[in-house]
Protein backbone atom coordinates (compact mmCIF):
# COMPACT_ATOMS: atom_id res chain seq x y z
CA UNK A 1 0.00 0.00 0.00
CA UNK A 2 1.25 3.50 -0.86
CA UNK A 3 0.95 5.90 2.07
CA UNK A 4 0.39 9.61 1.53
CA UNK A 5 1.68 11.52 4.55
CA UNK A 6 2.43 14.84 2.88
CA UNK A 7 -0.61 16.53 4.42
CA UNK A 8 0.58 15.99 7.98
CA UNK A 9 2.66 19.15 7.98
CA UNK A 10 -0.53 21.18 7.75
CA UNK A 11 -2.19 22.46 10.92
CA UNK A 12 -3.92 19.92 13.13
CA UNK A 13 -7.62 19.93 12.27
CA UNK A 14 -9.82 21.84 14.71
CA UNK A 15 -13.42 21.24 15.75
CA UNK A 16 -15.85 22.96 18.09
CA UNK A 17 -19.22 21.70 19.26
CA UNK A 18 -22.17 23.79 18.13
CA UNK A 19 -24.05 25.78 20.76
CA UNK A 20 -26.90 23.26 20.71
CA UNK A 21 -24.56 20.30 21.11
CA UNK A 22 -22.58 21.99 23.90
CA UNK A 23 -25.78 22.84 25.78
CA UNK A 24 -26.79 19.18 25.52
CA UNK A 25 -23.36 18.24 26.88
CA UNK A 26 -23.85 20.60 29.83
CA UNK A 27 -27.27 19.08 30.50
CA UNK A 28 -25.68 15.63 30.68
CA UNK A 29 -22.92 16.99 32.93
CA UNK A 30 -25.48 18.46 35.34
CA UNK A 31 -26.88 14.98 35.95
CA UNK A 32 -23.51 13.65 37.14
CA UNK A 33 -22.44 13.47 40.77
CA UNK A 34 -19.22 12.17 42.39
CA UNK A 35 -19.37 8.59 43.61
CA UNK A 36 -20.48 8.52 47.25
CA UNK A 37 -17.71 6.13 48.31
CA UNK A 38 -14.71 7.25 46.27
CA UNK A 39 -15.77 10.89 45.74
CA UNK A 40 -14.48 10.52 42.17
CA UNK A 41 -16.42 11.67 39.13
CA UNK A 42 -14.99 8.95 36.82
CA UNK A 43 -17.06 6.05 38.16
CA UNK A 44 -20.38 6.25 36.33
CA UNK A 45 -20.39 7.16 32.60
CA UNK A 46 -22.63 10.01 31.46
CA UNK A 47 -25.89 9.16 29.71
CA UNK A 48 -27.80 10.89 26.95
CA UNK A 49 -31.49 10.99 26.17
CA UNK A 50 -31.47 10.36 22.43
CA UNK A 51 -34.69 12.35 21.99
CA UNK A 52 -33.18 15.46 23.64
CA UNK A 53 -29.57 15.19 22.48
CA UNK A 54 -29.74 14.92 18.71
CA UNK A 55 -27.16 17.62 17.99
CA UNK A 56 -24.60 16.20 20.41
CA UNK A 57 -25.07 12.63 19.19
CA UNK A 58 -24.53 13.74 15.60
CA UNK A 59 -21.40 15.76 16.40
CA UNK A 60 -19.88 12.99 18.54
CA UNK A 61 -20.31 10.76 15.49
CA UNK A 62 -18.51 13.37 13.39
CA UNK A 63 -15.59 13.41 15.83
CA UNK A 64 -15.32 9.60 15.77
CA UNK A 65 -15.42 9.55 11.96
CA UNK A 66 -12.64 12.14 11.71
CA UNK A 67 -10.42 10.19 14.13
CA UNK A 68 -11.20 6.79 12.59
CA UNK A 69 -11.05 7.61 8.89
CA UNK A 70 -9.57 11.05 8.23
CA UNK A 71 -6.78 12.81 10.15
CA UNK A 72 -6.58 10.49 13.22
CA UNK A 73 -5.99 13.55 15.44
CA UNK A 74 -8.28 16.45 16.28
CA UNK A 75 -8.12 19.59 18.43
CA UNK A 76 -11.42 20.56 20.03
CA UNK A 77 -11.99 24.02 21.52
CA UNK A 78 -14.52 25.30 24.03
CA UNK A 79 -13.95 23.46 27.33
CA UNK A 80 -12.54 26.31 29.42
CA UNK A 81 -13.99 26.56 32.95
CA UNK A 82 -12.85 28.04 36.26
CA UNK A 83 -12.68 25.26 38.84
CA UNK A 84 -10.97 21.89 38.76
CA UNK A 85 -14.12 20.05 39.84
CA UNK A 86 -16.11 21.55 36.96
CA UNK A 87 -13.32 20.75 34.50
CA UNK A 88 -13.15 17.12 35.62
CA UNK A 89 -16.90 16.60 35.31
CA UNK A 90 -17.05 18.30 31.89
CA UNK A 91 -14.19 16.24 30.42
CA UNK A 92 -15.54 13.03 31.97
CA UNK A 93 -18.96 13.74 30.47
CA UNK A 94 -17.54 14.37 27.01
CA UNK A 95 -15.13 11.43 27.10
CA UNK A 96 -17.58 8.87 28.44
CA UNK A 97 -20.07 9.85 25.73
CA UNK A 98 -17.45 9.69 22.97
CA UNK A 99 -16.33 6.15 23.87
CA UNK A 100 -16.06 3.52 26.59
CA UNK A 101 -13.56 4.64 29.29
CA UNK A 102 -10.70 2.25 30.03
CA UNK A 103 -9.06 1.66 33.40
CA UNK A 104 -5.68 3.40 33.56
CA UNK A 105 -4.12 2.17 36.80
CA UNK A 106 -4.28 -0.49 39.52
CA UNK A 107 -6.75 1.67 41.48
CA UNK A 108 -9.35 1.38 38.75
CA UNK A 109 -9.30 5.06 37.76
CA UNK A 110 -10.74 5.89 34.34
CA UNK A 111 -9.50 9.48 34.21
CA UNK A 112 -5.93 10.45 35.12
CA UNK A 113 -4.52 13.79 36.24
CA UNK A 114 -1.35 14.65 34.33
CA UNK A 115 0.91 16.94 36.35
CA UNK A 116 4.31 16.92 38.04
CA UNK A 117 4.12 15.46 41.54
CA UNK A 118 7.73 16.38 42.33
CA UNK A 119 8.61 12.77 43.17
CA UNK A 120 10.65 10.05 41.52
CA UNK A 121 11.61 9.94 37.86
CA UNK A 122 10.49 7.58 35.08
CA UNK A 123 13.81 5.74 35.41
CA UNK A 124 13.04 5.23 39.11
CA UNK A 125 9.64 3.69 38.34
CA UNK A 126 7.25 6.66 38.02
CA UNK A 127 4.72 6.81 35.21
CA UNK A 128 5.15 9.56 32.64
CA UNK A 129 2.06 11.50 33.72
CA UNK A 130 3.44 11.89 37.26
CA UNK A 131 6.58 13.75 36.16
CA UNK A 132 7.64 16.85 34.26
CA UNK A 133 10.11 14.92 32.13
CA UNK A 134 10.02 15.45 28.39
CA UNK A 135 11.62 13.91 25.31
CA UNK A 136 10.23 10.38 25.77
CA UNK A 137 8.32 9.59 22.56
CA UNK A 138 5.56 7.10 23.30
CA UNK A 139 1.95 6.19 22.96
CA UNK A 140 -0.15 5.68 26.06
CA UNK A 141 -1.27 2.16 25.16
CA UNK A 142 2.09 0.58 25.95
CA UNK A 143 0.88 -0.42 29.43
CA UNK A 144 -2.24 -2.28 28.24
CA UNK A 145 -2.13 -5.33 25.96
CA UNK A 146 -5.33 -4.15 24.26
CA UNK A 147 -4.80 -0.98 22.16
CA UNK A 148 -6.56 2.29 22.91
CA UNK A 149 -8.95 3.53 20.23
CA UNK A 150 -9.13 7.18 21.36
CA UNK A 151 -6.71 9.09 23.55
CA UNK A 152 -8.02 12.29 25.16
CA UNK A 153 -5.67 14.92 26.57
CA UNK A 154 -7.53 17.92 27.97
CA UNK A 155 -5.71 21.08 29.06
CA UNK A 156 -6.76 22.73 32.30
CA UNK A 157 -3.66 24.91 32.66
CA UNK A 158 -0.47 25.36 30.66
CA UNK A 159 3.07 25.77 31.99
CA UNK A 160 4.72 29.11 32.63
CA UNK A 161 7.10 28.35 29.77
CA UNK A 162 7.34 25.37 27.41
CA UNK A 163 5.35 22.14 27.62
CA UNK A 164 4.48 21.86 23.94
CA UNK A 165 2.88 18.62 22.81
CA UNK A 166 4.76 16.93 19.96
CA UNK A 167 2.56 14.73 17.74
CA UNK A 168 4.23 12.11 15.58
CA UNK A 169 2.45 10.35 12.73
CA UNK A 170 3.13 6.60 12.74
CA UNK A 171 2.54 6.42 8.98
CA UNK A 172 5.18 9.08 8.35
CA UNK A 173 7.64 7.22 10.58
CA UNK A 174 6.96 4.00 8.67
CA UNK A 175 7.66 5.77 5.36
CA UNK A 176 10.99 7.05 6.78
CA UNK A 177 11.99 3.47 7.64
CA UNK A 178 10.94 1.77 4.39
CA UNK A 179 14.48 2.34 3.12
CA UNK A 180 15.61 -0.10 5.84
CA UNK A 181 13.45 -3.23 5.43
CA UNK A 182 15.61 -5.26 7.81
CA UNK A 183 14.85 -2.74 10.57
CA UNK A 184 11.12 -2.96 9.88
CA UNK A 185 11.25 -6.75 10.16
CA UNK A 186 12.84 -6.52 13.61
CA UNK A 187 10.21 -3.99 14.75
CA UNK A 188 7.46 -6.38 13.60
CA UNK A 189 8.79 -9.01 16.00
CA UNK A 190 7.75 -9.35 19.63
CA UNK A 191 9.27 -7.17 22.33
CA UNK A 192 8.60 -7.30 26.05
CA UNK A 193 6.45 -4.57 27.62
CA UNK A 194 5.48 -3.96 31.25
CA UNK A 195 2.02 -2.99 32.46
CA UNK A 196 3.56 -0.33 34.70
CA UNK A 197 1.01 1.03 37.17
CA UNK A 198 -1.82 -1.12 35.81
CA UNK A 199 -1.84 -3.82 38.51
CA UNK A 200 -0.67 -4.34 42.08
CA UNK A 201 1.77 -6.95 40.80
CA UNK A 202 3.49 -5.77 37.65
CA UNK A 203 3.29 -8.16 34.72
CA UNK A 204 5.12 -8.39 31.43
CA UNK A 205 3.61 -9.12 28.04
CA UNK A 206 4.87 -9.50 24.47
CA UNK A 207 3.78 -7.41 21.51
CA UNK A 208 5.29 -6.06 18.29
CA UNK A 209 6.33 -2.42 18.08
CA UNK A 210 5.12 -2.17 14.47
CA UNK A 211 1.84 -3.65 13.28
CA UNK A 212 -0.89 -2.72 10.80
CA UNK A 213 -4.62 -2.07 11.07
CA UNK A 214 -7.15 -4.02 9.02
CA UNK A 215 -6.97 -1.14 6.51
CA UNK A 216 -3.18 -1.45 6.28
CA UNK A 217 -2.41 1.69 8.30
CA UNK A 218 0.87 1.45 10.28
CA UNK A 219 0.46 1.26 14.05
CA UNK A 220 3.27 1.71 16.57
CA UNK A 221 3.41 0.63 20.23
CA UNK A 222 6.44 2.27 21.83
CA UNK A 223 8.00 3.63 25.01
CA UNK A 224 11.67 2.73 25.00
CA UNK A 225 12.20 3.08 28.75
CA UNK A 226 9.33 0.67 29.45
CA UNK A 227 10.63 -1.83 26.87
CA UNK A 228 14.18 -1.78 28.22
CA UNK A 229 12.90 -2.11 31.78
CA UNK A 230 10.69 -5.08 30.84
CA UNK A 231 13.57 -6.93 29.19
CA UNK A 232 15.81 -6.33 32.21
CA UNK A 233 13.12 -7.58 34.62
CA UNK A 234 12.64 -10.71 32.51
CA UNK A 235 16.38 -11.38 32.36
CA UNK A 236 16.16 -11.26 28.57
CA UNK A 237 18.37 -8.38 27.40
CA UNK A 238 17.58 -6.80 24.07
CA UNK A 239 19.61 -8.30 21.26
CA UNK A 240 22.08 -6.22 19.27
CA UNK A 241 19.63 -6.25 16.34
CA UNK A 242 16.78 -5.07 18.58
CA UNK A 243 18.88 -2.24 20.01
CA UNK A 244 19.86 -1.21 16.47
CA UNK A 245 16.19 -1.22 15.42
CA UNK A 246 15.22 0.97 18.38
CA UNK A 247 18.03 3.38 17.53
CA UNK A 248 16.74 3.63 13.96
CA UNK A 249 13.20 4.13 15.23
CA UNK A 250 14.29 6.86 17.67
CA UNK A 251 16.12 8.64 14.87
CA UNK A 252 13.06 8.48 12.59
CA UNK A 253 10.84 9.75 15.42
CA UNK A 254 13.18 12.70 15.89
CA UNK A 255 12.84 14.00 12.32
CA UNK A 256 10.94 17.27 11.90
CA UNK A 257 9.21 15.82 8.83
CA UNK A 258 7.12 13.45 10.99
CA UNK A 259 6.40 15.86 13.86
CA UNK A 260 3.93 18.59 14.60
CA UNK A 261 4.14 20.78 17.72
CA UNK A 262 1.16 22.30 19.42
CA UNK A 263 0.86 24.21 22.68
CA UNK A 264 -2.48 23.31 24.21
CA UNK A 265 -4.32 26.26 25.71
CA UNK A 266 -6.65 25.95 28.72
CA UNK A 267 -9.97 24.57 27.53
CA UNK A 268 -8.58 22.72 24.52
CA UNK A 269 -8.96 18.96 24.14
CA UNK A 270 -6.74 16.83 21.91
CA UNK A 271 -8.27 13.57 20.66
CA UNK A 272 -6.17 11.08 18.72
CA UNK A 273 -6.00 7.47 17.57
CA UNK A 274 -3.33 6.43 20.07
CA UNK A 275 -1.61 3.69 18.06
CA UNK A 276 -1.50 5.82 14.90
CA UNK A 277 0.03 8.88 16.60
CA UNK A 278 2.85 8.92 19.10
CA UNK A 279 3.49 11.93 21.27
CA UNK A 280 5.81 13.53 23.76
CA UNK A 281 6.25 16.96 25.29
CA UNK A 282 8.97 19.55 25.53
CA UNK A 283 10.68 20.61 28.71
CA UNK A 284 8.75 23.18 30.72
CA UNK A 285 9.11 25.59 33.63
CA UNK A 286 6.38 25.89 36.25
CA UNK A 287 5.16 28.94 38.09
CA UNK A 288 4.83 27.19 41.47
CA UNK A 289 6.54 24.37 43.37
CA UNK A 290 5.15 20.90 42.48
CA UNK A 291 2.41 19.41 44.64
CA UNK A 292 1.80 15.72 45.29
CA UNK A 293 -1.98 16.26 45.46
CA UNK A 294 -4.39 18.88 44.13
CA UNK A 295 -7.84 19.65 45.55
CA UNK A 296 -10.92 19.60 43.32
CA UNK A 297 -11.88 22.96 44.83
CA UNK A 298 -8.78 24.64 43.39
CA UNK A 299 -9.09 27.28 40.70
CA UNK A 300 -7.43 26.14 37.48
CA UNK A 301 -5.77 29.54 37.04
CA UNK A 302 -3.67 28.92 40.19
CA UNK A 303 -2.26 25.56 39.09
CA UNK A 304 0.92 24.48 37.36
CA UNK A 305 0.64 22.66 34.01
CA UNK A 306 -2.39 20.41 34.43
CA UNK A 307 -4.00 17.96 32.00
CA UNK A 308 -6.66 15.27 32.19
CA UNK A 309 -6.22 12.04 30.26
CA UNK A 310 -8.73 9.42 29.21
CA UNK A 311 -8.33 6.18 27.28
CA UNK A 312 -11.37 5.11 25.29
CA UNK A 313 -12.54 2.16 23.27
CA UNK A 314 -15.06 2.64 20.49
CA UNK A 315 -18.68 2.31 21.60
CA UNK A 316 -20.32 -0.94 20.52
């Protein structure tokens, strides 16, 4: 199959819900309440009355179609609010109506707060979303054997300086590597991955880095630190050929021709097909000292860089 990736260098496509659809979203949000035991909003998915939510249902279908069949990544405006609690409930409502939320950690949380806790590093065992580290190209689905259909990253507050999101098209990376068929063959083989943070007892599983969808679209599963850690834990060091393939892949991922940078503003939501787009972020400087925990009553304007993340599977 011949892949056309020349259009990727254009701006990321933008979308905004119509006033009618957004009002229907707010009506669904108003029916939500935090779980009485956990006090978390991400326990019960939002529901829609099909007779009263026609505009929202239609526009959610448009979003899914664009992610599934067109650009595979979309920037949605219009979710700016004042308080953290309101932001959480709004993003949870939107995400749980767009798809089926997936569990993201051993605690059973379906929505994850992405901010620097000021603790240990990725190399010391932390998950990426708990740190301020940049420059680790990955997709979020590396920790779950079953791929993510839709990745949501919603911006509540940006950093004082830096913190750009870097989006990397898996198809463009594949095209870069077609000149090295022996490297592609190694990447199609199984590597060890760890389900870091997904269970009380960490487990390893095997999966290829490079695979293809039913339509022949390249898909990449990658987070080098997690792969190297998994092979060390299993006592099965990466072979020289595997290390060489990862070096080639890292070099391809680092090319400007496959990347697009975007600085998410408060109230913007990025939705992507996780295994068709990798991502990372640039280094950033915060306005305040890091905090291990943040209260739902906090005003978003007072926070350091703060994002919400959801993993979704397509609705049946």
